[in-house]
Amino acid sequence: FVPRKSPAGLWTSGRIESKGSWTPAPGKVTKIQANILL
């Protein structure tokens, strides 16, 4: 995800959203994780 600045000073960037969704199940443990570098 790379932010960009135009010569005119306008910023653009990136965003994604999962199409699916997930419900934490009763009686269970749910983990949501990602491996990230900045």
PDB file of all heavy atoms in Angstrom:
ATOM      1  N   PHE A   1       0.874  -1.170   0.000  1.00  0.00           N
ATOM      2  CA  PHE A   1       0.000   0.000   0.000  1.00  0.00           C
ATOM      3  C   PHE A   1       0.912   1.221   0.000  1.00  0.00           C
ATOM      4  O   PHE A   1       1.601   1.485   0.992  1.00  0.00           O
ATOM      5  CB  PHE A   1      -0.908  -0.014   1.222  1.00  0.00           C
ATOM      6  CG  PHE A   1      -1.752  -1.256   1.309  1.00  0.00           C
ATOM      7  CD1 PHE A   1      -1.257  -2.407   1.910  1.00  0.00           C
ATOM      8  CD2 PHE A   1      -3.029  -1.275   0.763  1.00  0.00           C
ATOM      9  CE1 PHE A   1      -2.023  -3.565   1.978  1.00  0.00           C
ATOM     10  CE2 PHE A   1      -3.796  -2.429   0.822  1.00  0.00           C
ATOM     11  CZ  PHE A   1      -3.295  -3.579   1.426  1.00  0.00           C
ATOM     12  N   VAL A   2       0.925   1.959  -1.103  1.00  0.00           N
ATOM     13  CA  VAL A   2       1.945   2.988  -1.326  1.00  0.00           C
ATOM     14  C   VAL A   2       1.286   4.355  -1.487  1.00  0.00           C
ATOM     15  O   VAL A   2       0.608   4.618  -2.490  1.00  0.00           O
ATOM     16  CB  VAL A   2       2.780   2.667  -2.579  1.00  0.00           C
ATOM     17  CG1 VAL A   2       3.957   3.639  -2.686  1.00  0.00           C
ATOM     18  CG2 VAL A   2       3.287   1.225  -2.558  1.00  0.00           C
ATOM     19  N   PRO A   3       1.454   5.251  -0.529  1.00  0.00           N
ATOM     20  CA  PRO A   3       0.928   6.607  -0.697  1.00  0.00           C
ATOM     21  C   PRO A   3       1.758   7.381  -1.725  1.00  0.00           C
ATOM     22  O   PRO A   3       2.988   7.259  -1.758  1.00  0.00           O
ATOM     23  CB  PRO A   3       1.058   7.212   0.703  1.00  0.00           C
ATOM     24  CG  PRO A   3       2.200   6.467   1.335  1.00  0.00           C
ATOM     25  CD  PRO A   3       2.165   5.080   0.759  1.00  0.00           C
ATOM     26  N   ARG A   4       1.081   8.161  -2.554  1.00  0.00           N
ATOM     27  CA  ARG A   4       1.757   8.933  -3.600  1.00  0.00           C
ATOM     28  C   ARG A   4       1.300  10.387  -3.544  1.00  0.00           C
ATOM     29  O   ARG A   4       0.130  10.673  -3.293  1.00  0.00           O
ATOM     30  CB  ARG A   4       1.430   8.380  -4.988  1.00  0.00           C
ATOM     31  CG  ARG A   4       1.772   6.907  -5.197  1.00  0.00           C
ATOM     32  CD  ARG A   4       3.221   6.706  -5.499  1.00  0.00           C
ATOM     33  NE  ARG A   4       3.530   5.322  -5.831  1.00  0.00           N
ATOM     34  CZ  ARG A   4       4.747   4.883  -6.084  1.00  0.00           C
ATOM     35  NH1 ARG A   4       5.781   5.728  -6.061  1.00  0.00           N
ATOM     36  NH2 ARG A   4       4.954   3.611  -6.370  1.00  0.00           N
ATOM     37  N   LYS A   5       2.231  11.283  -3.830  1.00  0.00           N
ATOM     38  CA  LYS A   5       1.925  12.708  -3.883  1.00  0.00           C
ATOM     39  C   LYS A   5       2.191  13.213  -5.292  1.00  0.00           C
ATOM     40  O   LYS A   5       3.276  13.020  -5.836  1.00  0.00           O
ATOM     41  CB  LYS A   5       2.793  13.469  -2.877  1.00  0.00           C
ATOM     42  CG  LYS A   5       2.489  14.959  -2.793  1.00  0.00           C
ATOM     43  CD  LYS A   5       3.401  15.626  -1.769  1.00  0.00           C
ATOM     44  CE  LYS A   5       3.137  17.123  -1.664  1.00  0.00           C
ATOM     45  NZ  LYS A   5       4.049  17.774  -0.677  1.00  0.00           N
ATOM     46  N   SER A   6       1.211  13.857  -5.885  1.00  0.00           N
ATOM     47  CA  SER A   6       1.357  14.358  -7.252  1.00  0.00           C
ATOM     48  C   SER A   6       2.152  15.662  -7.251  1.00  0.00           C
ATOM     49  O   SER A   6       2.319  16.302  -6.204  1.00  0.00           O
ATOM     50  CB  SER A   6      -0.022  14.613  -7.863  1.00  0.00           C
ATOM     51  OG  SER A   6      -0.600  15.794  -7.299  1.00  0.00           O
ATOM     52  N   PRO A   7       2.647  16.072  -8.422  1.00  0.00           N
ATOM     53  CA  PRO A   7       3.344  17.361  -8.490  1.00  0.00           C
ATOM     54  C   PRO A   7       2.491  18.531  -8.010  1.00  0.00           C
ATOM     55  O   PRO A   7       3.013  19.540  -7.529  1.00  0.00           O
ATOM     56  CB  PRO A   7       3.673  17.486  -9.977  1.00  0.00           C
ATOM     57  CG  PRO A   7       3.778  16.075 -10.462  1.00  0.00           C
ATOM     58  CD  PRO A   7       2.732  15.323  -9.696  1.00  0.00           C
ATOM     59  N   ALA A   8       1.162  18.364  -8.087  1.00  0.00           N
ATOM     60  CA  ALA A   8       0.264  19.422  -7.615  1.00  0.00           C
ATOM     61  C   ALA A   8       0.004  19.335  -6.115  1.00  0.00           C
ATOM     62  O   ALA A   8      -0.738  20.153  -5.563  1.00  0.00           O
ATOM     63  CB  ALA A   8      -1.061  19.352  -8.371  1.00  0.00           C
ATOM     64  N   GLY A   9       0.612  18.335  -5.459  1.00  0.00           N
ATOM     65  CA  GLY A   9       0.458  18.208  -4.009  1.00  0.00           C
ATOM     66  C   GLY A   9      -0.733  17.381  -3.560  1.00  0.00           C
ATOM     67  O   GLY A   9      -1.074  17.396  -2.383  1.00  0.00           O
ATOM     68  N   LEU A  10      -1.360  16.645  -4.492  1.00  0.00           N
ATOM     69  CA  LEU A  10      -2.521  15.819  -4.159  1.00  0.00           C
ATOM     70  C   LEU A  10      -2.055  14.405  -3.814  1.00  0.00           C
ATOM     71  O   LEU A  10      -1.222  13.822  -4.510  1.00  0.00           O
ATOM     72  CB  LEU A  10      -3.504  15.788  -5.327  1.00  0.00           C
ATOM     73  CG  LEU A  10      -4.041  17.156  -5.774  1.00  0.00           C
ATOM     74  CD1 LEU A  10      -4.960  16.995  -6.977  1.00  0.00           C
ATOM     75  CD2 LEU A  10      -4.769  17.852  -4.621  1.00  0.00           C
ATOM     76  N   TRP A  11      -2.632  13.850  -2.763  1.00  0.00           N
ATOM     77  CA  TRP A  11      -2.223  12.536  -2.287  1.00  0.00           C
ATOM     78  C   TRP A  11      -3.208  11.455  -2.748  1.00  0.00           C
ATOM     79  O   TRP A  11      -4.425  11.662  -2.758  1.00  0.00           O
ATOM     80  CB  TRP A  11      -2.160  12.517  -0.768  1.00  0.00           C
ATOM     81  CG  TRP A  11      -0.975  13.241  -0.197  1.00  0.00           C
ATOM     82  CD1 TRP A  11      -0.879  14.571   0.108  1.00  0.00           C
ATOM     83  CD2 TRP A  11       0.290  12.667   0.127  1.00  0.00           C
ATOM     84  NE1 TRP A  11       0.368  14.861   0.609  1.00  0.00           N
ATOM     85  CE2 TRP A  11       1.111  13.707   0.640  1.00  0.00           C
ATOM     86  CE3 TRP A  11       0.820  11.372   0.063  1.00  0.00           C
ATOM     87  CZ2 TRP A  11       2.415  13.481   1.063  1.00  0.00           C
ATOM     88  CZ3 TRP A  11       2.120  11.154   0.485  1.00  0.00           C
ATOM     89  CH2 TRP A  11       2.904  12.197   0.974  1.00  0.00           C
ATOM     90  N   THR A  12      -2.669  10.293  -3.110  1.00  0.00           N
ATOM     91  CA  THR A  12      -3.458   9.091  -3.365  1.00  0.00           C
ATOM     92  C   THR A  12      -2.865   7.955  -2.535  1.00  0.00           C
ATOM     93  O   THR A  12      -1.715   8.006  -2.114  1.00  0.00           O
ATOM     94  CB  THR A  12      -3.456   8.701  -4.847  1.00  0.00           C
ATOM     95  OG1 THR A  12      -2.086   8.521  -5.292  1.00  0.00           O
ATOM     96  CG2 THR A  12      -4.122   9.767  -5.704  1.00  0.00           C
ATOM     97  N   SER A  13      -3.682   6.920  -2.306  1.00  0.00           N
ATOM     98  CA  SER A  13      -3.188   5.778  -1.546  1.00  0.00           C
ATOM     99  C   SER A  13      -4.065   4.569  -1.831  1.00  0.00           C
ATOM    100  O   SER A  13      -4.931   4.616  -2.717  1.00  0.00           O
ATOM    101  CB  SER A  13      -3.144   6.089  -0.046  1.00  0.00           C
ATOM    102  OG  SER A  13      -2.405   5.102   0.657  1.00  0.00           O
ATOM    103  N   GLY A  14      -3.831   3.464  -1.091  1.00  0.00           N
ATOM    104  CA  GLY A  14      -4.533   2.217  -1.337  1.00  0.00           C
ATOM    105  C   GLY A  14      -5.246   1.686  -0.113  1.00  0.00           C
ATOM    106  O   GLY A  14      -4.803   1.860   1.025  1.00  0.00           O
ATOM    107  N   ARG A  15      -6.370   1.017  -0.375  1.00  0.00           N
ATOM    108  CA  ARG A  15      -7.169   0.400   0.680  1.00  0.00           C
ATOM    109  C   ARG A  15      -7.896  -0.799   0.094  1.00  0.00           C
ATOM    110  O   ARG A  15      -8.510  -0.702  -0.973  1.00  0.00           O
ATOM    111  CB  ARG A  15      -8.173   1.401   1.250  1.00  0.00           C
ATOM    112  CG  ARG A  15      -9.238   0.807   2.178  1.00  0.00           C
ATOM    113  CD  ARG A  15     -10.013   1.904   2.858  1.00  0.00           C
ATOM    114  NE  ARG A  15     -11.249   1.429   3.481  1.00  0.00           N
ATOM    115  CZ  ARG A  15     -11.858   2.040   4.489  1.00  0.00           C
ATOM    116  NH1 ARG A  15     -11.348   3.165   4.992  1.00  0.00           N
ATOM    117  NH2 ARG A  15     -12.981   1.567   4.999  1.00  0.00           N
ATOM    118  N   ILE A  16      -7.819  -1.945   0.786  1.00  0.00           N
ATOM    119  CA  ILE A  16      -8.599  -3.109   0.378  1.00  0.00           C
ATOM    120  C   ILE A  16      -9.442  -3.595   1.546  1.00  0.00           C
ATOM    121  O   ILE A  16      -9.073  -3.428   2.713  1.00  0.00           O
ATOM    122  CB  ILE A  16      -7.718  -4.256  -0.162  1.00  0.00           C
ATOM    123  CG1 ILE A  16      -6.740  -4.770   0.897  1.00  0.00           C
ATOM    124  CG2 ILE A  16      -6.972  -3.803  -1.415  1.00  0.00           C
ATOM    125  CD1 ILE A  16      -5.944  -6.010   0.448  1.00  0.00           C
ATOM    126  N   GLU A  17     -10.595  -4.189   1.210  1.00  0.00           N
ATOM    127  CA  GLU A  17     -11.514  -4.729   2.204  1.00  0.00           C
ATOM    128  C   GLU A  17     -11.905  -6.138   1.769  1.00  0.00           C
ATOM    129  O   GLU A  17     -12.201  -6.372   0.600  1.00  0.00           O
ATOM    130  CB  GLU A  17     -12.765  -3.861   2.321  1.00  0.00           C
ATOM    131  CG  GLU A  17     -12.476  -2.410   2.703  1.00  0.00           C
ATOM    132  CD  GLU A  17     -13.735  -1.574   2.845  1.00  0.00           C
ATOM    133  OE1 GLU A  17     -14.836  -2.112   2.535  1.00  0.00           O
ATOM    134  OE2 GLU A  17     -13.632  -0.406   3.238  1.00  0.00           O
ATOM    135  N   SER A  18     -11.905  -7.071   2.701  1.00  0.00           N
ATOM    136  CA  SER A  18     -12.284  -8.433   2.347  1.00  0.00           C
ATOM    137  C   SER A  18     -13.751  -8.488   1.929  1.00  0.00           C
ATOM    138  O   SER A  18     -14.606  -7.817   2.524  1.00  0.00           O
ATOM    139  CB  SER A  18     -12.044  -9.387   3.522  1.00  0.00           C
ATOM    140  OG  SER A  18     -12.898  -9.086   4.610  1.00  0.00           O
ATOM    141  N   LYS A  19     -14.030  -9.281   0.896  1.00  0.00           N
ATOM    142  CA  LYS A  19     -15.413  -9.450   0.484  1.00  0.00           C
ATOM    143  C   LYS A  19     -16.173 -10.301   1.488  1.00  0.00           C
ATOM    144  O   LYS A  19     -17.360 -10.093   1.732  1.00  0.00           O
ATOM    145  CB  LYS A  19     -15.462 -10.085  -0.903  1.00  0.00           C
ATOM    146  CG  LYS A  19     -14.948  -9.153  -1.990  1.00  0.00           C
ATOM    147  CD  LYS A  19     -15.294  -9.647  -3.383  1.00  0.00           C
ATOM    148  CE  LYS A  19     -14.972  -8.571  -4.411  1.00  0.00           C
ATOM    149  NZ  LYS A  19     -15.437  -8.903  -5.764  1.00  0.00           N
ATOM    150  N   GLY A  20     -15.480 -11.249   2.078  1.00  0.00           N
ATOM    151  CA  GLY A  20     -16.093 -12.108   3.072  1.00  0.00           C
ATOM    152  C   GLY A  20     -16.085 -11.490   4.452  1.00  0.00           C
ATOM    153  O   GLY A  20     -15.357 -10.532   4.727  1.00  0.00           O
ATOM    154  N   SER A  21     -16.893 -12.048   5.319  1.00  0.00           N
ATOM    155  CA  SER A  21     -16.886 -11.657   6.725  1.00  0.00           C
ATOM    156  C   SER A  21     -16.972 -12.924   7.567  1.00  0.00           C
ATOM    157  O   SER A  21     -17.437 -13.970   7.097  1.00  0.00           O
ATOM    158  CB  SER A  21     -18.035 -10.700   7.044  1.00  0.00           C
ATOM    159  OG  SER A  21     -19.285 -11.307   6.762  1.00  0.00           O
ATOM    160  N   TRP A  22     -16.512 -12.814   8.814  1.00  0.00           N
ATOM    161  CA  TRP A  22     -16.397 -13.988   9.679  1.00  0.00           C
ATOM    162  C   TRP A  22     -16.929 -13.656  11.061  1.00  0.00           C
ATOM    163  O   TRP A  22     -16.614 -12.617  11.623  1.00  0.00           O
ATOM    164  CB  TRP A  22     -14.932 -14.437   9.767  1.00  0.00           C
ATOM    165  CG  TRP A  22     -14.404 -14.857   8.426  1.00  0.00           C
ATOM    166  CD1 TRP A  22     -14.409 -16.120   7.897  1.00  0.00           C
ATOM    167  CD2 TRP A  22     -13.841 -14.016   7.421  1.00  0.00           C
ATOM    168  NE1 TRP A  22     -13.871 -16.105   6.639  1.00  0.00           N
ATOM    169  CE2 TRP A  22     -13.507 -14.833   6.307  1.00  0.00           C
ATOM    170  CE3 TRP A  22     -13.563 -12.643   7.352  1.00  0.00           C
ATOM    171  CZ2 TRP A  22     -12.929 -14.326   5.161  1.00  0.00           C
ATOM    172  CZ3 TRP A  22     -12.989 -12.130   6.201  1.00  0.00           C
ATOM    173  CH2 TRP A  22     -12.682 -12.970   5.115  1.00  0.00           C
ATOM    174  N   THR A  23     -17.737 -14.586  11.600  1.00  0.00           N
ATOM    175  CA  THR A  23     -18.343 -14.394  12.912  1.00  0.00           C
ATOM    176  C   THR A  23     -17.592 -15.208  13.957  1.00  0.00           C
ATOM    177  O   THR A  23     -17.451 -16.429  13.791  1.00  0.00           O
ATOM    178  CB  THR A  23     -19.813 -14.833  12.896  1.00  0.00           C
ATOM    179  OG1 THR A  23     -20.520 -14.112  11.880  1.00  0.00           O
ATOM    180  CG2 THR A  23     -20.464 -14.580  14.253  1.00  0.00           C
ATOM    181  N   PRO A  24     -17.094 -14.581  15.026  1.00  0.00           N
ATOM    182  CA  PRO A  24     -16.486 -15.349  16.113  1.00  0.00           C
ATOM    183  C   PRO A  24     -17.506 -16.348  16.663  1.00  0.00           C
ATOM    184  O   PRO A  24     -18.602 -15.963  17.059  1.00  0.00           O
ATOM    185  CB  PRO A  24     -16.120 -14.280  17.140  1.00  0.00           C
ATOM    186  CG  PRO A  24     -15.994 -13.013  16.337  1.00  0.00           C
ATOM    187  CD  PRO A  24     -17.031 -13.129  15.272  1.00  0.00           C
ATOM    188  N   ALA A  25     -17.146 -17.615  16.674  1.00  0.00           N
ATOM    189  CA  ALA A  25     -18.108 -18.655  17.023  1.00  0.00           C
ATOM    190  C   ALA A  25     -18.269 -18.784  18.533  1.00  0.00           C
ATOM    191  O   ALA A  25     -17.288 -18.678  19.287  1.00  0.00           O
ATOM    192  CB  ALA A  25     -17.662 -19.991  16.438  1.00  0.00           C
ATOM    193  N   PRO A  26     -19.493 -19.024  19.010  1.00  0.00           N
ATOM    194  CA  PRO A  26     -19.697 -19.222  20.445  1.00  0.00           C
ATOM    195  C   PRO A  26     -18.941 -20.447  20.932  1.00  0.00           C
ATOM    196  O   PRO A  26     -18.844 -21.466  20.242  1.00  0.00           O
ATOM    197  CB  PRO A  26     -21.219 -19.408  20.566  1.00  0.00           C
ATOM    198  CG  PRO A  26     -21.678 -19.782  19.197  1.00  0.00           C
ATOM    199  CD  PRO A  26     -20.749 -19.130  18.241  1.00  0.00           C
ATOM    200  N   GLY A  27     -18.359 -20.329  22.117  1.00  0.00           N
ATOM    201  CA  GLY A  27     -17.620 -21.433  22.690  1.00  0.00           C
ATOM    202  C   GLY A  27     -16.220 -21.599  22.145  1.00  0.00           C
ATOM    203  O   GLY A  27     -15.505 -22.535  22.538  1.00  0.00           O
ATOM    204  N   LYS A  28     -15.801 -20.704  21.255  1.00  0.00           N
ATOM    205  CA  LYS A  28     -14.500 -20.846  20.611  1.00  0.00           C
ATOM    206  C   LYS A  28     -13.669 -19.568  20.727  1.00  0.00           C
ATOM    207  O   LYS A  28     -14.152 -18.518  21.142  1.00  0.00           O
ATOM    208  CB  LYS A  28     -14.681 -21.221  19.133  1.00  0.00           C
ATOM    209  CG  LYS A  28     -15.355 -22.576  18.933  1.00  0.00           C
ATOM    210  CD  LYS A  28     -15.330 -23.002  17.487  1.00  0.00           C
ATOM    211  CE  LYS A  28     -15.926 -24.395  17.320  1.00  0.00           C
ATOM    212  NZ  LYS A  28     -15.823 -24.883  15.916  1.00  0.00           N
ATOM    213  N   VAL A  29     -12.409 -19.707  20.332  1.00  0.00           N
ATOM    214  CA  VAL A  29     -11.489 -18.577  20.253  1.00  0.00           C
ATOM    215  C   VAL A  29     -11.237 -18.280  18.775  1.00  0.00           C
ATOM    216  O   VAL A  29     -10.962 -19.192  17.993  1.00  0.00           O
ATOM    217  CB  VAL A  29     -10.153 -18.890  20.961  1.00  0.00           C
ATOM    218  CG1 VAL A  29      -9.161 -17.751  20.770  1.00  0.00           C
ATOM    219  CG2 VAL A  29     -10.378 -19.156  22.438  1.00  0.00           C
ATOM    220  N   THR A  30     -11.348 -17.017  18.406  1.00  0.00           N
ATOM    221  CA  THR A  30     -11.086 -16.573  17.039  1.00  0.00           C
ATOM    222  C   THR A  30      -9.896 -15.621  17.060  1.00  0.00           C
ATOM    223  O   THR A  30      -9.820 -14.741  17.921  1.00  0.00           O
ATOM    224  CB  THR A  30     -12.304 -15.856  16.444  1.00  0.00           C
ATOM    225  OG1 THR A  30     -13.406 -16.762  16.405  1.00  0.00           O
ATOM    226  CG2 THR A  30     -12.018 -15.346  15.035  1.00  0.00           C
ATOM    227  N   LYS A  31      -8.977 -15.801  16.115  1.00  0.00           N
ATOM    228  CA  LYS A  31      -7.829 -14.905  15.979  1.00  0.00           C
ATOM    229  C   LYS A  31      -7.804 -14.338  14.568  1.00  0.00           C
ATOM    230  O   LYS A  31      -8.015 -15.065  13.594  1.00  0.00           O
ATOM    231  CB  LYS A  31      -6.506 -15.627  16.236  1.00  0.00           C
ATOM    232  CG  LYS A  31      -6.289 -16.057  17.682  1.00  0.00           C
ATOM    233  CD  LYS A  31      -4.954 -16.771  17.844  1.00  0.00           C
ATOM    234  CE  LYS A  31      -4.686 -17.167  19.291  1.00  0.00           C
ATOM    235  NZ  LYS A  31      -4.312 -16.004  20.119  1.00  0.00           N
ATOM    236  N   ILE A  32      -7.536 -13.032  14.461  1.00  0.00           N
ATOM    237  CA  ILE A  32      -7.332 -12.360  13.177  1.00  0.00           C
ATOM    238  C   ILE A  32      -5.924 -11.783  13.204  1.00  0.00           C
ATOM    239  O   ILE A  32      -5.595 -10.985  14.084  1.00  0.00           O
ATOM    240  CB  ILE A  32      -8.364 -11.238  12.949  1.00  0.00           C
ATOM    241  CG1 ILE A  32      -9.791 -11.762  13.118  1.00  0.00           C
ATOM    242  CG2 ILE A  32      -8.177 -10.625  11.560  1.00  0.00           C
ATOM    243  CD1 ILE A  32     -10.851 -10.667  13.085  1.00  0.00           C
ATOM    244  N   GLN A  33      -5.084 -12.202  12.255  1.00  0.00           N
ATOM    245  CA  GLN A  33      -3.681 -11.812  12.289  1.00  0.00           C
ATOM    246  C   GLN A  33      -3.184 -11.407  10.906  1.00  0.00           C
ATOM    247  O   GLN A  33      -3.725 -11.823   9.886  1.00  0.00           O
ATOM    248  CB  GLN A  33      -2.804 -12.965  12.802  1.00  0.00           C
ATOM    249  CG  GLN A  33      -3.084 -13.397  14.218  1.00  0.00           C
ATOM    250  CD  GLN A  33      -2.085 -14.416  14.740  1.00  0.00           C
ATOM    251  OE1 GLN A  33      -1.313 -15.007  13.977  1.00  0.00           O
ATOM    252  NE2 GLN A  33      -2.078 -14.629  16.039  1.00  0.00           N
ATOM    253  N   ALA A  34      -2.130 -10.592  10.895  1.00  0.00           N
ATOM    254  CA  ALA A  34      -1.435 -10.243   9.658  1.00  0.00           C
ATOM    255  C   ALA A  34       0.027  -9.992   9.973  1.00  0.00           C
ATOM    256  O   ALA A  34       0.377  -9.549  11.075  1.00  0.00           O
ATOM    257  CB  ALA A  34      -2.049  -9.004   9.005  1.00  0.00           C
ATOM    258  N   ASN A  35       0.878 -10.279   8.993  1.00  0.00           N
ATOM    259  CA  ASN A  35       2.313 -10.035   9.119  1.00  0.00           C
ATOM    260  C   ASN A  35       2.647  -8.789   8.297  1.00  0.00           C
ATOM    261  O   ASN A  35       2.453  -8.771   7.080  1.00  0.00           O
ATOM    262  CB  ASN A  35       3.092 -11.243   8.606  1.00  0.00           C
ATOM    263  CG  ASN A  35       4.460 -11.363   9.225  1.00  0.00           C
ATOM    264  OD1 ASN A  35       4.668 -10.999  10.377  1.00  0.00           O
ATOM    265  ND2 ASN A  35       5.423 -11.868   8.460  1.00  0.00           N
ATOM    266  N   ILE A  36       3.149  -7.750   8.975  1.00  0.00           N
ATOM    267  CA  ILE A  36       3.194  -6.405   8.398  1.00  0.00           C
ATOM    268  C   ILE A  36       4.590  -5.803   8.526  1.00  0.00           C
ATOM    269  O   ILE A  36       5.236  -5.914   9.562  1.00  0.00           O
ATOM    270  CB  ILE A  36       2.173  -5.489   9.105  1.00  0.00           C
ATOM    271  CG1 ILE A  36       0.746  -6.009   8.859  1.00  0.00           C
ATOM    272  CG2 ILE A  36       2.303  -4.035   8.652  1.00  0.00           C
ATOM    273  CD1 ILE A  36      -0.319  -5.284   9.668  1.00  0.00           C
ATOM    274  N   LEU A  37       5.022  -5.127   7.463  1.00  0.00           N
ATOM    275  CA  LEU A  37       6.244  -4.313   7.457  1.00  0.00           C
ATOM    276  C   LEU A  37       5.866  -2.892   7.067  1.00  0.00           C
ATOM    277  O   LEU A  37       5.037  -2.685   6.173  1.00  0.00           O
ATOM    278  CB  LEU A  37       7.257  -4.886   6.463  1.00  0.00           C
ATOM    279  CG  LEU A  37       8.558  -4.111   6.222  1.00  0.00           C
ATOM    280  CD1 LEU A  37       9.710  -5.089   5.955  1.00  0.00           C
ATOM    281  CD2 LEU A  37       8.444  -3.153   5.026  1.00  0.00           C
ATOM    282  N   LEU A  38       6.474  -1.922   7.727  1.00  0.00           N
ATOM    283  CA  LEU A  38       6.251  -0.520   7.400  1.00  0.00           C
ATOM    284  C   LEU A  38       7.497   0.058   6.731  1.00  0.00           C
ATOM    285  O   LEU A  38       8.625  -0.327   7.070  1.00  0.00           O
ATOM    286  CB  LEU A  38       5.886   0.271   8.651  1.00  0.00           C
ATOM    287  CG  LEU A  38       4.600  -0.202   9.336  1.00  0.00           C
ATOM    288  CD1 LEU A  38       4.385   0.528  10.646  1.00  0.00           C
ATOM    289  CD2 LEU A  38       3.392  -0.036   8.422  1.00  0.00           C
TER     290      LEU A  38
END
